[in-house]
Amino acid sequence: MKSHPADNALPAKLRFHLLKDDGLHHPIQFTFVSEQMHRDILDERQAILDALPQALRAQQMKLFSHYDPQAQAKAFQDLLRVFGTASHA
């Protein structure tokens, strides 16, 4: 019998979410988020959702909805604009 690695395995150490006792991954809430962090957070969220059993996905998505990394990315870009260093993405 062949052994297949789990396609939906999470990275060994998540960078932007903490697994809590409720079995859900709680976002680490950053004040400022760079564009790269924003992409990485969204990628990590997708990996979490893909690895979760279907029964927990709705709860996890609701938890994710309470913290919008896009708002923090915008705040960071706004701050950079004040100092004239914002990227042009």
N, C-alpha and C. Protein backbone atom coordinates (compact mmCIF):
# COMPACT_ATOMS: atom_id res chain seq x y z
N MET A 1 0.85 -1.18 0.00
CA MET A 1 0.00 0.00 0.00
C MET A 1 0.90 1.24 0.00
N LYS A 2 0.60 2.18 -0.87
CA LYS A 2 1.40 3.39 -0.97
C LYS A 2 0.95 4.41 0.07
N SER A 3 1.91 5.14 0.55
CA SER A 3 1.62 6.21 1.50
C SER A 3 1.66 7.53 0.74
N HIS A 4 0.62 8.31 0.90
CA HIS A 4 0.54 9.62 0.25
C HIS A 4 0.57 10.71 1.30
N PRO A 5 1.38 11.74 1.09
CA PRO A 5 1.36 12.83 2.05
C PRO A 5 0.01 13.54 2.00
N ALA A 6 -0.38 14.08 3.10
CA ALA A 6 -1.65 14.81 3.15
C ALA A 6 -1.56 16.04 2.28
N ASP A 7 -2.45 16.15 1.31
CA ASP A 7 -2.45 17.31 0.43
C ASP A 7 -2.82 18.58 1.17
N ASN A 8 -3.58 18.44 2.21
CA ASN A 8 -4.08 19.60 2.94
C ASN A 8 -3.36 19.81 4.26
N ALA A 9 -2.10 19.45 4.32
CA ALA A 9 -1.33 19.61 5.55
C ALA A 9 -0.94 21.06 5.74
N LEU A 10 -0.99 21.51 6.96
CA LEU A 10 -0.57 22.86 7.30
C LEU A 10 0.94 22.92 7.45
N PRO A 11 1.53 24.09 7.25
CA PRO A 11 2.96 24.23 7.54
C PRO A 11 3.22 23.89 9.01
N ALA A 12 4.42 23.46 9.31
CA ALA A 12 4.76 23.07 10.68
C ALA A 12 4.54 24.22 11.65
N LYS A 13 4.84 25.42 11.24
CA LYS A 13 4.66 26.59 12.11
C LYS A 13 3.96 27.68 11.33
N LEU A 14 2.76 28.01 11.77
CA LEU A 14 2.02 29.09 11.14
C LEU A 14 2.61 30.42 11.58
N ARG A 15 2.64 31.39 10.69
CA ARG A 15 3.25 32.68 10.99
C ARG A 15 2.24 33.74 11.43
N PHE A 16 0.98 33.60 10.99
CA PHE A 16 0.02 34.69 11.19
C PHE A 16 -1.23 34.27 11.95
N HIS A 17 -1.28 33.03 12.41
CA HIS A 17 -2.46 32.52 13.12
C HIS A 17 -2.02 31.63 14.27
N LEU A 18 -2.81 31.62 15.33
CA LEU A 18 -2.53 30.79 16.50
C LEU A 18 -3.65 29.77 16.68
N LEU A 19 -3.28 28.51 16.81
CA LEU A 19 -4.27 27.46 17.07
C LEU A 19 -4.65 27.53 18.54
N LYS A 20 -5.93 27.68 18.80
CA LYS A 20 -6.43 27.77 20.18
C LYS A 20 -7.12 26.47 20.57
N ASP A 21 -7.51 26.38 21.83
CA ASP A 21 -8.14 25.18 22.37
C ASP A 21 -9.46 24.84 21.69
N ASP A 22 -10.09 25.82 21.06
CA ASP A 22 -11.36 25.56 20.39
C ASP A 22 -11.18 24.88 19.03
N GLY A 23 -9.91 24.63 18.65
CA GLY A 23 -9.63 23.97 17.39
C GLY A 23 -9.59 24.90 16.19
N LEU A 24 -9.76 26.20 16.44
CA LEU A 24 -9.74 27.19 15.37
C LEU A 24 -8.44 27.98 15.40
N HIS A 25 -8.09 28.52 14.28
CA HIS A 25 -6.87 29.31 14.13
C HIS A 25 -7.24 30.78 14.23
N HIS A 26 -6.79 31.42 15.28
CA HIS A 26 -7.11 32.82 15.53
C HIS A 26 -6.05 33.71 14.90
N PRO A 27 -6.48 34.73 14.16
CA PRO A 27 -5.51 35.62 13.52
C PRO A 27 -4.72 36.42 14.54
N ILE A 28 -3.45 36.59 14.26
CA ILE A 28 -2.63 37.53 15.01
C ILE A 28 -2.95 38.90 14.41
N GLN A 29 -3.35 39.83 15.23
CA GLN A 29 -3.79 41.12 14.72
C GLN A 29 -2.64 42.12 14.71
N PHE A 30 -2.16 42.38 13.52
CA PHE A 30 -1.08 43.33 13.33
C PHE A 30 -1.66 44.72 13.07
N THR A 31 -0.99 45.75 13.57
CA THR A 31 -1.43 47.11 13.32
C THR A 31 -1.16 47.50 11.88
N PHE A 32 0.01 47.14 11.37
CA PHE A 32 0.37 47.44 9.99
C PHE A 32 0.77 46.15 9.29
N VAL A 33 0.36 46.02 8.04
CA VAL A 33 0.63 44.82 7.26
C VAL A 33 1.18 45.27 5.90
N SER A 34 2.36 44.77 5.56
CA SER A 34 2.93 45.09 4.25
C SER A 34 2.16 44.32 3.17
N GLU A 35 2.41 44.68 1.93
CA GLU A 35 1.73 43.99 0.82
C GLU A 35 2.11 42.51 0.81
N GLN A 36 3.38 42.21 1.06
CA GLN A 36 3.81 40.81 1.08
C GLN A 36 3.16 40.06 2.25
N MET A 37 3.10 40.70 3.42
CA MET A 37 2.44 40.06 4.56
C MET A 37 0.98 39.79 4.24
N HIS A 38 0.33 40.75 3.59
CA HIS A 38 -1.08 40.60 3.23
C HIS A 38 -1.27 39.35 2.36
N ARG A 39 -0.43 39.20 1.34
CA ARG A 39 -0.51 38.01 0.48
C ARG A 39 -0.23 36.74 1.28
N ASP A 40 0.77 36.79 2.15
CA ASP A 40 1.11 35.62 2.96
C ASP A 40 -0.01 35.24 3.93
N ILE A 41 -0.66 36.24 4.52
CA ILE A 41 -1.78 35.98 5.43
C ILE A 41 -2.91 35.30 4.67
N LEU A 42 -3.23 35.82 3.49
CA LEU A 42 -4.31 35.21 2.71
C LEU A 42 -3.96 33.79 2.29
N ASP A 43 -2.70 33.56 1.91
CA ASP A 43 -2.27 32.21 1.56
C ASP A 43 -2.36 31.27 2.75
N GLU A 44 -1.95 31.76 3.93
CA GLU A 44 -2.01 30.94 5.13
C GLU A 44 -3.47 30.63 5.49
N ARG A 45 -4.33 31.60 5.34
CA ARG A 45 -5.76 31.37 5.61
C ARG A 45 -6.32 30.28 4.70
N GLN A 46 -5.94 30.34 3.43
CA GLN A 46 -6.43 29.32 2.50
C GLN A 46 -5.91 27.95 2.89
N ALA A 47 -4.66 27.86 3.28
CA ALA A 47 -4.09 26.58 3.70
C ALA A 47 -4.82 26.05 4.93
N ILE A 48 -5.15 26.94 5.85
CA ILE A 48 -5.89 26.54 7.06
C ILE A 48 -7.26 26.00 6.67
N LEU A 49 -7.98 26.73 5.83
CA LEU A 49 -9.31 26.29 5.41
C LEU A 49 -9.25 24.96 4.68
N ASP A 50 -8.26 24.80 3.82
CA ASP A 50 -8.12 23.56 3.06
C ASP A 50 -7.84 22.36 3.97
N ALA A 51 -7.15 22.60 5.09
CA ALA A 51 -6.77 21.51 5.98
C ALA A 51 -7.85 21.17 7.02
N LEU A 52 -8.79 22.07 7.22
CA LEU A 52 -9.82 21.86 8.24
C LEU A 52 -10.90 20.90 7.75
N PRO A 53 -11.47 20.15 8.69
CA PRO A 53 -12.65 19.36 8.33
C PRO A 53 -13.80 20.30 7.94
N GLN A 54 -14.62 19.85 7.04
CA GLN A 54 -15.74 20.66 6.54
C GLN A 54 -16.58 21.25 7.68
N ALA A 55 -16.74 20.50 8.75
CA ALA A 55 -17.59 20.94 9.87
C ALA A 55 -17.07 22.21 10.55
N LEU A 56 -15.76 22.47 10.48
CA LEU A 56 -15.19 23.64 11.15
C LEU A 56 -14.97 24.83 10.23
N ARG A 57 -15.10 24.63 8.94
CA ARG A 57 -14.77 25.70 7.99
C ARG A 57 -15.62 26.95 8.14
N ALA A 58 -16.91 26.80 8.35
CA ALA A 58 -17.78 27.97 8.49
C ALA A 58 -17.40 28.78 9.72
N GLN A 59 -17.11 28.09 10.82
CA GLN A 59 -16.69 28.78 12.04
C GLN A 59 -15.36 29.50 11.82
N GLN A 60 -14.45 28.84 11.11
CA GLN A 60 -13.15 29.43 10.87
C GLN A 60 -13.28 30.67 9.98
N MET A 61 -14.11 30.59 8.96
CA MET A 61 -14.31 31.74 8.07
C MET A 61 -14.94 32.91 8.83
N LYS A 62 -15.84 32.62 9.73
CA LYS A 62 -16.45 33.68 10.54
C LYS A 62 -15.39 34.34 11.41
N LEU A 63 -14.52 33.54 11.99
CA LEU A 63 -13.44 34.08 12.81
C LEU A 63 -12.51 34.95 11.96
N PHE A 64 -12.17 34.50 10.77
CA PHE A 64 -11.33 35.29 9.87
C PHE A 64 -11.99 36.62 9.53
N SER A 65 -13.30 36.64 9.42
CA SER A 65 -13.99 37.86 9.01
C SER A 65 -13.88 38.99 10.04
N HIS A 66 -13.51 38.66 11.26
CA HIS A 66 -13.37 39.68 12.31
C HIS A 66 -12.06 40.46 12.21
N TYR A 67 -11.13 39.97 11.40
CA TYR A 67 -9.86 40.67 11.22
C TYR A 67 -9.56 40.72 9.73
N ASP A 68 -9.56 41.91 9.18
CA ASP A 68 -9.33 42.10 7.75
C ASP A 68 -7.91 42.61 7.52
N PRO A 69 -7.02 41.75 7.06
CA PRO A 69 -5.64 42.20 6.85
C PRO A 69 -5.55 43.27 5.76
N GLN A 70 -6.55 43.34 4.87
CA GLN A 70 -6.55 44.38 3.83
C GLN A 70 -6.63 45.77 4.47
N ALA A 71 -7.39 45.92 5.53
CA ALA A 71 -7.49 47.22 6.21
C ALA A 71 -6.14 47.62 6.80
N GLN A 72 -5.42 46.66 7.37
CA GLN A 72 -4.12 46.97 7.94
C GLN A 72 -3.10 47.24 6.83
N ALA A 73 -3.22 46.56 5.70
CA ALA A 73 -2.33 46.82 4.56
C ALA A 73 -2.57 48.22 4.02
N LYS A 74 -3.83 48.63 3.96
CA LYS A 74 -4.15 49.99 3.51
C LYS A 74 -3.60 51.02 4.49
N ALA A 75 -3.75 50.77 5.79
CA ALA A 75 -3.23 51.70 6.80
C ALA A 75 -1.71 51.84 6.67
N PHE A 76 -1.04 50.74 6.39
CA PHE A 76 0.41 50.78 6.22
C PHE A 76 0.78 51.59 4.99
N GLN A 77 0.08 51.37 3.88
CA GLN A 77 0.34 52.14 2.66
C GLN A 77 0.05 53.63 2.89
N ASP A 78 -1.01 53.94 3.62
CA ASP A 78 -1.34 55.34 3.93
C ASP A 78 -0.22 55.99 4.74
N LEU A 79 0.32 55.25 5.69
CA LEU A 79 1.43 55.76 6.50
C LEU A 79 2.67 55.99 5.63
N LEU A 80 2.94 55.06 4.75
CA LEU A 80 4.08 55.21 3.85
C LEU A 80 3.90 56.42 2.93
N ARG A 81 2.66 56.66 2.50
CA ARG A 81 2.38 57.82 1.64
C ARG A 81 2.69 59.13 2.36
N VAL A 82 2.41 59.17 3.67
CA VAL A 82 2.69 60.37 4.46
C VAL A 82 4.18 60.72 4.37
N PHE A 83 5.00 59.69 4.33
CA PHE A 83 6.45 59.89 4.28
C PHE A 83 7.00 59.79 2.86
N GLY A 84 6.09 59.66 1.88
CA GLY A 84 6.51 59.64 0.48
C GLY A 84 7.21 58.38 0.05
N THR A 85 6.94 57.28 0.72
CA THR A 85 7.63 56.03 0.39
C THR A 85 6.68 54.89 0.01
N ALA A 86 5.43 55.19 -0.28
CA ALA A 86 4.46 54.15 -0.60
C ALA A 86 4.80 53.50 -1.93
N SER A 87 4.52 52.20 -2.02
CA SER A 87 4.73 51.51 -3.29
C SER A 87 3.61 51.89 -4.24
N HIS A 88 3.81 51.62 -5.48
CA HIS A 88 2.83 52.01 -6.50
C HIS A 88 2.07 50.80 -7.01
N ALA A 89 1.73 49.88 -6.13
CA ALA A 89 1.01 48.67 -6.54
C ALA A 89 -0.47 48.90 -6.56
